[in-house]
Amino acid sequence: MVISCLQVGGDSPAQAAINLEIVLRTLFASPIVQGIYLRGIDAQSLDDPSAALVDADGQPNAAGRSYEGLVRNQWWTDTTLRTDELGNVRTAVFAGWYELSVALGADEDQVVRLRVLVDGDEDQEAIVLQPVKRSDEIDLRPLPGRAEPAGR
């Protein structure tokens, strides 16, 4: 299930913030919810102006600060994990986009970076980052008849 055009307001700014936090925590606790999309963040883009996350100056209001706190403090993870002796690491994640970087060996200058979508598919159990040998390098030249990639 994907929730779209979500608006959560209240009788006061404090009540709107509390209502938003309750709704988001409840939805994110359900494994069936694959995504939540807000209708908008300012009063002009919403049917219920009390559901705005920012004030007229674009600064976070009480609901916006609550939302930011949930995302930054509850659900956002900037962490460093160490691999086991086989080079594996395991952690639980939410569905969504992740930017992974792996330092190869003790050489902090040699880093593999990857942006990956964890789509919540139950079949997706692992993301594998594996260095390739020199002889196995991938040919990144464009196919005949295709345009050169930008910035190459």
Protein backbone atom coordinates (compact mmCIF):
# COMPACT_ATOMS: atom_id res chain seq x y z
CA MET A 1 0.00 0.00 0.00
CA VAL A 2 1.18 3.51 -0.83
CA ILE A 3 -0.31 6.50 0.95
CA SER A 4 -0.48 9.55 -1.30
CA CYS A 5 -1.61 13.14 -0.81
CA LEU A 6 -1.41 12.81 2.98
CA GLN A 7 -2.57 15.82 4.98
CA VAL A 8 -2.82 15.78 8.77
CA GLY A 9 -4.08 18.89 10.54
CA GLY A 10 -5.52 19.82 13.89
CA ASP A 11 -7.43 22.40 15.90
CA SER A 12 -4.16 24.09 16.91
CA PRO A 13 -0.54 23.98 15.74
CA ALA A 14 0.34 21.72 18.68
CA GLN A 15 -2.57 19.37 17.90
CA ALA A 16 -1.56 19.23 14.21
CA ALA A 17 1.99 18.24 15.23
CA ILE A 18 0.72 15.53 17.60
CA ASN A 19 -1.76 14.20 15.02
CA LEU A 20 0.93 14.07 12.31
CA GLU A 21 3.34 12.18 14.55
CA ILE A 22 0.66 9.64 15.56
CA VAL A 23 -0.40 9.07 11.94
CA LEU A 24 3.18 8.69 10.65
CA ARG A 25 4.27 6.37 13.46
CA THR A 26 1.15 4.24 12.94
CA LEU A 27 1.62 4.03 9.17
CA PHE A 28 5.36 3.33 9.33
CA ALA A 29 4.75 0.57 11.89
CA SER A 30 2.71 -1.37 9.33
CA PRO A 31 4.75 -3.60 7.02
CA ILE A 32 2.10 -3.27 4.32
CA VAL A 33 2.82 0.48 3.89
CA GLN A 34 5.43 0.82 1.14
CA GLY A 35 5.50 4.59 0.90
CA ILE A 36 3.98 7.80 2.17
CA TYR A 37 3.73 10.92 0.05
CA LEU A 38 2.60 14.27 1.45
CA ARG A 39 0.08 16.43 -0.41
CA GLY A 40 2.25 19.48 0.17
CA ILE A 41 4.09 21.35 2.86
CA ASP A 42 2.70 24.89 2.77
CA ALA A 43 -0.85 26.12 3.43
CA GLN A 44 -1.39 27.16 -0.21
CA SER A 45 -0.86 23.62 -1.52
CA LEU A 46 -3.18 21.93 0.97
CA ASP A 47 -6.93 21.53 1.34
CA ASP A 48 -6.50 21.86 5.12
CA PRO A 49 -4.15 24.79 5.88
CA SER A 50 -3.62 23.47 9.43
CA ALA A 51 -1.74 20.53 7.86
CA ALA A 52 1.09 22.80 6.66
CA LEU A 53 4.62 21.92 7.74
CA VAL A 54 6.05 25.39 7.13
CA ASP A 55 4.88 28.92 7.94
CA ALA A 56 4.44 31.76 5.44
CA ASP A 57 8.22 32.42 5.55
CA GLY A 58 9.01 28.80 4.71
CA GLN A 59 10.26 27.99 8.20
CA PRO A 60 9.17 24.74 9.89
CA ASN A 61 6.16 25.15 12.18
CA ALA A 62 5.30 22.77 15.05
CA ALA A 63 4.16 20.02 12.67
CA GLY A 64 7.21 20.59 10.47
CA ARG A 65 9.55 20.32 13.44
CA SER A 66 7.79 17.13 14.51
CA TYR A 67 8.14 15.68 11.02
CA GLU A 68 11.80 16.70 10.82
CA GLY A 69 12.44 15.15 14.23
CA LEU A 70 10.91 11.84 13.18
CA VAL A 71 12.87 11.71 9.93
CA ARG A 72 16.21 12.95 11.28
CA ASN A 73 16.15 11.40 14.75
CA GLN A 74 14.01 8.26 14.42
CA TRP A 75 14.24 6.97 10.86
CA TRP A 76 17.40 8.48 9.40
CA THR A 77 20.59 6.55 10.07
CA ASP A 78 24.10 7.74 9.38
CA THR A 79 26.17 4.91 10.70
CA THR A 80 29.40 3.06 10.19
CA LEU A 81 29.28 -0.71 10.37
CA ARG A 82 32.20 -3.14 10.48
CA THR A 83 32.16 -6.32 8.47
CA ASP A 84 32.62 -9.75 9.96
CA GLU A 85 35.57 -11.99 9.09
CA LEU A 86 33.88 -12.94 5.80
CA GLY A 87 33.31 -9.32 4.79
CA ASN A 88 29.57 -9.34 5.51
CA VAL A 89 27.51 -6.82 7.41
CA ARG A 90 23.85 -7.12 8.35
CA THR A 91 21.38 -4.46 9.46
CA ALA A 92 17.65 -3.86 9.29
CA VAL A 93 16.49 -1.01 7.03
CA PHE A 94 13.32 0.70 5.87
CA ALA A 95 12.35 0.67 2.22
CA GLY A 96 13.81 3.67 0.40
CA TRP A 97 16.98 5.01 -1.19
CA TYR A 98 20.35 4.43 0.47
CA GLU A 99 23.79 5.75 -0.29
CA LEU A 100 26.34 3.14 0.70
CA SER A 101 30.08 3.50 0.77
CA VAL A 102 32.59 0.80 1.59
CA ALA A 103 36.26 1.36 2.39
CA LEU A 104 38.21 -1.53 0.90
CA GLY A 105 40.66 -2.93 3.40
CA ALA A 106 42.67 -0.52 5.49
CA ASP A 107 43.05 1.87 2.54
CA GLU A 108 40.50 4.62 3.28
CA ASP A 109 41.27 6.19 -0.14
CA GLN A 110 39.85 3.21 -2.04
CA VAL A 111 36.09 3.47 -1.57
CA VAL A 112 33.21 1.85 -3.45
CA ARG A 113 30.06 3.97 -3.53
CA LEU A 114 26.58 2.81 -4.47
CA ARG A 115 23.10 4.35 -4.45
CA VAL A 116 20.52 1.60 -4.09
CA LEU A 117 16.75 1.38 -3.77
CA VAL A 118 15.41 -1.04 -1.19
CA ASP A 119 11.88 -1.37 -2.50
CA GLY A 120 10.35 -3.43 0.28
CA ASP A 121 10.11 -6.52 -1.91
CA GLU A 122 10.28 -9.55 0.37
CA ASP A 123 12.53 -11.32 -2.16
CA GLN A 124 15.23 -8.66 -1.79
CA GLU A 125 17.25 -9.93 1.14
CA ALA A 126 20.76 -8.75 0.37
CA ILE A 127 22.74 -6.06 -1.38
CA VAL A 128 26.09 -7.32 -2.58
CA LEU A 129 29.07 -5.02 -3.10
CA GLN A 130 31.89 -6.98 -4.63
CA PRO A 131 35.10 -5.63 -6.14
CA VAL A 132 35.80 -6.92 -9.64
CA LYS A 133 39.17 -8.17 -10.79
CA ARG A 134 41.02 -6.12 -13.42
CA SER A 135 40.21 -8.71 -16.12
CA ASP A 136 36.50 -8.60 -15.24
CA GLU A 137 36.09 -4.84 -15.59
CA ILE A 138 32.89 -3.70 -17.24
CA ASP A 139 33.13 -1.94 -20.58
CA LEU A 140 31.28 1.34 -20.08
CA ARG A 141 31.52 2.54 -23.70
CA PRO A 142 28.12 3.36 -25.20
CA LEU A 143 26.52 0.86 -27.55
CA PRO A 144 26.72 1.71 -31.29
CA GLY A 145 24.08 4.29 -32.20
CA ARG A 146 23.69 5.52 -28.63
CA ALA A 147 24.69 8.99 -27.44
CA GLU A 148 27.73 9.48 -25.23
CA PRO A 149 26.82 9.80 -21.53
CA ALA A 150 26.89 13.37 -20.26
CA GLY A 151 30.07 14.39 -18.43
CA ARG A 152 32.22 11.67 -19.89
